Amino acid sequence: LEPVSRPIAVVNVASSSAPFLNRLSRDGRVIVTATRSGYEQNYARFGGFMAGAIANPEADLDKDGQTSLLEAFLFASRQVEDWYRAETRLATEHALIDDNGDGLGTPADWFRGVRPVKKAEEGGKVDGLRAHQWHLIRSEFESQLPAEIRARRDELEMRIFQWRERKPSMEEDEYYRRLEELLLEMAQFYRKHTRKEP
């Protein structure tokens, strides 16, 4: 994969899969592993739950009619946790997702819904946004959008997300003024591209 520069998603659901995340992580890639270290060697159940989540309407956490890689990861991680709890076993797998290129990965319990609620130490970038923009089975609306329109929408979403990350270091009035501008731009985008011709 070294010479490949296009966006890539690698979902390794095997036991001891975490080192793949460290090795394959790059900008523009989404890497999902079933474990958080190479020492989690027992049978991993995450893969079955991840595969089932992709087309499961319950995994669509933001209710946009499709399940993103992030949503499938979060849903499958919850099901793994529930399985170990129901079986009264010590969990031997802890899935990670990386989509910011830092090679560290983020566990599912760092998210509330699809938004991260914890941050990496020393100002590290948060995972999840790119993975949430990646859908294996697109909704009818998403399928009708041309690639360049989807790219523009993704860019607007990224700008809003990055602006939200700056909130703690900003004056409140300035933060909300710019956030309003970005949200209005996004609303105008959706109005333009979802309006039906008379």
Protein backbone atom coordinates (compact mmCIF):
# COMPACT_ATOMS: atom_id res chain seq x y z
CA LEU A 1 0.00 0.00 0.00
CA GLU A 2 2.99 2.35 0.31
CA PRO A 3 2.73 3.92 -3.17
CA VAL A 4 -1.08 4.23 -3.06
CA SER A 5 -2.22 7.82 -2.49
CA ARG A 6 -6.00 7.45 -2.96
CA PRO A 7 -8.35 7.07 0.04
CA ILE A 8 -8.22 3.56 1.52
CA ALA A 9 -10.17 1.79 4.27
CA VAL A 10 -8.62 -1.27 5.91
CA VAL A 11 -10.79 -3.21 8.36
CA ASN A 12 -8.74 -5.95 10.03
CA VAL A 13 -11.01 -7.91 12.35
CA ALA A 14 -8.53 -10.63 13.32
CA SER A 15 -7.10 -11.18 16.77
CA SER A 16 -3.76 -9.40 17.38
CA SER A 17 -4.69 -6.91 14.62
CA ALA A 18 -3.65 -3.65 16.34
CA PRO A 19 -0.12 -3.49 14.84
CA PHE A 20 -1.73 -3.14 11.39
CA LEU A 21 -3.14 0.21 12.54
CA ASN A 22 0.30 1.51 13.52
CA ARG A 23 1.84 0.36 10.27
CA LEU A 24 -0.89 1.35 7.79
CA SER A 25 -2.06 4.67 9.26
CA ARG A 26 -1.69 7.62 6.85
CA ASP A 27 -3.61 10.75 5.93
CA GLY A 28 -6.62 9.79 3.80
CA ARG A 29 -6.90 6.28 5.27
CA VAL A 30 -9.38 4.73 7.68
CA ILE A 31 -7.93 1.82 9.65
CA VAL A 32 -10.07 -0.33 11.95
CA THR A 33 -8.68 -3.14 14.10
CA ALA A 34 -10.41 -5.59 16.42
CA THR A 35 -7.77 -5.23 19.13
CA ARG A 36 -5.77 -2.49 20.83
CA SER A 37 -2.55 -4.51 20.97
CA GLY A 38 -0.85 -7.47 19.33
CA TYR A 39 -1.16 -9.32 22.62
CA GLU A 40 -4.95 -9.66 22.43
CA GLN A 41 -4.62 -13.07 20.79
CA ASN A 42 -7.90 -14.78 21.63
CA TYR A 43 -10.65 -15.27 19.07
CA ALA A 44 -12.10 -11.89 18.05
CA ARG A 45 -15.87 -11.54 17.67
CA PHE A 46 -15.71 -7.95 16.42
CA GLY A 47 -15.68 -8.95 12.72
CA GLY A 48 -19.07 -10.62 12.79
CA PHE A 49 -20.65 -7.66 14.53
CA MET A 50 -18.92 -5.20 12.18
CA ALA A 51 -20.15 -7.04 9.07
CA GLY A 52 -23.69 -7.12 10.45
CA ALA A 53 -23.61 -3.42 11.30
CA ILE A 54 -22.93 -2.18 7.77
CA ALA A 55 -26.50 -2.78 6.55
CA ASN A 56 -28.22 -2.65 9.94
CA PRO A 57 -30.57 0.37 10.26
CA GLU A 58 -29.97 0.37 14.05
CA ALA A 59 -26.30 1.19 13.41
CA ASP A 60 -27.31 4.41 11.62
CA LEU A 61 -26.69 6.58 14.68
CA ASP A 62 -27.24 9.95 12.99
CA LYS A 63 -30.36 8.73 11.13
CA ASP A 64 -29.25 9.83 7.66
CA GLY A 65 -30.39 6.59 6.00
CA GLN A 66 -26.93 5.00 5.73
CA THR A 67 -24.29 3.54 8.01
CA SER A 68 -20.79 5.01 7.92
CA LEU A 69 -17.63 3.12 8.79
CA LEU A 70 -17.54 5.08 12.05
CA GLU A 71 -21.12 4.11 12.90
CA ALA A 72 -20.46 0.46 12.06
CA PHE A 73 -17.33 0.53 14.24
CA LEU A 74 -19.19 2.11 17.18
CA PHE A 75 -22.19 -0.22 16.87
CA ALA A 76 -20.02 -3.34 16.57
CA SER A 77 -17.86 -2.26 19.52
CA ARG A 78 -20.96 -1.89 21.67
CA GLN A 79 -22.18 -5.34 20.63
CA VAL A 80 -18.81 -6.88 21.50
CA GLU A 81 -18.95 -5.24 24.92
CA ASP A 82 -22.52 -6.48 25.44
CA TRP A 83 -21.52 -10.02 24.40
CA TYR A 84 -18.70 -10.24 26.95
CA ARG A 85 -20.93 -8.79 29.66
CA ALA A 86 -23.76 -11.25 28.89
CA GLU A 87 -21.31 -14.17 28.91
CA THR A 88 -19.70 -12.86 32.14
CA ARG A 89 -16.27 -13.05 30.52
CA LEU A 90 -13.30 -10.73 30.70
CA ALA A 91 -13.12 -8.82 27.39
CA THR A 92 -10.11 -9.92 25.34
CA GLU A 93 -10.63 -7.55 22.41
CA HIS A 94 -10.88 -3.77 22.26
CA ALA A 95 -11.39 -2.35 18.76
CA LEU A 96 -9.69 0.84 17.56
CA ILE A 97 -10.29 3.24 14.69
CA ASP A 98 -7.78 5.63 13.12
CA ASP A 99 -8.59 8.11 10.36
CA ASN A 100 -6.35 11.07 11.14
CA GLY A 101 -3.03 9.48 10.22
CA ASP A 102 -1.41 9.57 13.66
CA GLY A 103 -1.29 5.77 14.07
CA LEU A 104 -2.68 5.85 17.61
CA GLY A 105 -6.30 4.80 17.18
CA THR A 106 -9.35 5.68 19.25
CA PRO A 107 -11.65 3.30 21.15
CA ALA A 108 -15.43 3.44 20.87
CA ASP A 109 -15.94 4.65 24.43
CA TRP A 110 -14.42 8.01 23.45
CA PHE A 111 -17.58 8.80 21.46
CA ARG A 112 -21.08 9.89 22.39
CA GLY A 113 -23.20 9.19 19.35
CA VAL A 114 -20.83 9.93 16.46
CA ARG A 115 -19.02 12.81 18.17
CA PRO A 116 -15.84 12.32 20.17
CA VAL A 117 -16.14 13.46 23.78
CA LYS A 118 -12.54 12.76 24.82
CA LYS A 119 -9.34 14.16 23.38
CA ALA A 120 -5.89 12.75 22.91
CA GLU A 121 -3.14 14.05 25.17
CA GLU A 122 -1.02 17.01 24.12
CA GLY A 123 -3.55 18.30 21.60
CA GLY A 124 -3.56 15.25 19.34
CA LYS A 125 -6.08 15.14 16.50
CA VAL A 126 -9.37 13.33 17.05
CA ASP A 127 -10.37 10.31 14.98
CA GLY A 128 -13.80 9.72 13.47
CA LEU A 129 -14.72 12.45 11.02
CA ARG A 130 -13.28 10.87 7.86
CA ALA A 131 -14.68 7.47 8.84
CA HIS A 132 -18.10 9.07 9.33
CA GLN A 133 -17.97 10.41 5.77
CA TRP A 134 -17.27 6.95 4.33
CA HIS A 135 -20.34 4.82 3.49
CA LEU A 136 -20.15 1.35 1.99
CA ILE A 137 -23.86 1.32 1.13
CA ARG A 138 -25.04 4.80 0.19
CA SER A 139 -28.54 6.08 0.79
CA GLU A 140 -30.69 6.94 -2.22
CA PHE A 141 -30.03 10.65 -1.67
CA GLU A 142 -26.27 10.11 -1.33
CA SER A 143 -26.18 7.94 -4.46
CA GLN A 144 -27.73 10.72 -6.53
CA LEU A 145 -25.13 13.31 -5.51
CA PRO A 146 -22.29 13.74 -8.00
CA ALA A 147 -18.81 13.01 -6.60
CA GLU A 148 -17.78 16.67 -6.67
CA ILE A 149 -20.89 17.68 -4.68
CA ARG A 150 -20.20 14.99 -2.06
CA ALA A 151 -16.60 16.21 -1.84
CA ARG A 152 -17.80 19.79 -1.26
CA ARG A 153 -20.25 18.64 1.41
CA ASP A 154 -17.50 16.64 3.14
CA GLU A 155 -15.23 19.69 3.07
CA LEU A 156 -17.94 21.84 4.71
CA GLU A 157 -18.53 19.20 7.39
CA MET A 158 -14.79 19.05 8.07
CA ARG A 159 -14.57 22.83 8.46
CA ILE A 160 -17.46 22.82 10.94
CA PHE A 161 -15.89 19.99 12.92
CA GLN A 162 -12.50 21.71 13.02
CA TRP A 163 -14.09 24.98 14.12
CA ARG A 164 -15.90 23.22 16.98
CA GLU A 165 -12.54 21.86 18.12
CA ARG A 166 -11.27 25.43 18.55
CA LYS A 167 -14.08 26.50 20.90
CA PRO A 168 -12.14 26.21 24.20
CA SER A 169 -9.49 28.67 23.00
CA MET A 170 -11.83 31.31 21.55
CA GLU A 171 -13.94 34.22 22.62
CA GLU A 172 -17.55 33.03 22.77
CA ASP A 173 -18.98 35.72 20.47
CA GLU A 174 -16.35 35.14 17.78
CA TYR A 175 -16.78 31.37 18.01
CA TYR A 176 -20.57 31.50 17.55
CA ARG A 177 -20.40 34.17 14.83
CA ARG A 178 -18.15 32.03 12.65
CA LEU A 179 -20.01 28.82 13.51
CA GLU A 180 -23.26 30.46 12.38
CA GLU A 181 -21.61 31.41 9.07
CA LEU A 182 -20.46 27.83 8.51
CA LEU A 183 -23.83 26.34 9.42
CA LEU A 184 -25.64 28.75 7.11
CA GLU A 185 -23.26 27.79 4.32
CA MET A 186 -24.05 24.13 4.97
CA ALA A 187 -27.81 24.84 5.06
CA GLN A 188 -27.58 26.67 1.72
CA PHE A 189 -25.65 23.75 0.28
CA TYR A 190 -28.38 21.28 1.31
CA ARG A 191 -31.15 23.58 0.13
CA LYS A 192 -29.53 23.90 -3.29
CA HIS A 193 -28.83 20.20 -3.72
CA THR A 194 -32.01 18.72 -2.26
CA ARG A 195 -34.56 21.00 -3.91
CA LYS A 196 -36.68 19.22 -6.50
CA GLU A 197 -37.23 20.86 -9.83
CA PRO A 198 -40.89 21.95 -10.44
